[in-house]
């Protein structure tokens, strides 16, 4: 009996991994950019002439987490140095803010990712938030990936950035 129960549980886990590529992750797509997010997070989407935005947040959200992916409706013609300057200029500023330097990495799929982390206190709050912001260049377009939380889980942004693929369908 125990052996058959274990076999059923392993079959469910194997099916779950095969259908999403990894346990506890949900595949999604923002235009031609595919990515994965933690399973159980809630999704909302907006689209207008200027951008396409997808917002994710956990159902139970005491940590005030949010993950936002934005695809502006423009093509990228800027080099890495100019993109780094734009990323730095886009960070929240307050008297209590601290911003790390811009880091450039390449995703497993070969995409250029520029990332930065900022700790800041919003003007209307007394609590410090951490914001991780990445610019991703994929298929000649620029994508923003922004993770914000009171106490960030370092795995969240890593999951998303390591799962990025351009022009491939996951969902």
Foldseek 3Di string as FASTA:
>chain_A
DVVVVVVVVVVVLVVCCVLQVHPQWDWDDDVQKIFIFGPQWDWDWDDDQFKTKIKTAHPDHPFVKIKMKIWTPDFDPDDPVVVQVVVVVPDDDDPPKDKDHWDWDAAPQGKIKIKIKMWDADPVGPAIKIKIWIWIHAPRTIMIIIIMTSDDDVVGVVRGRNGIDGRDDSD
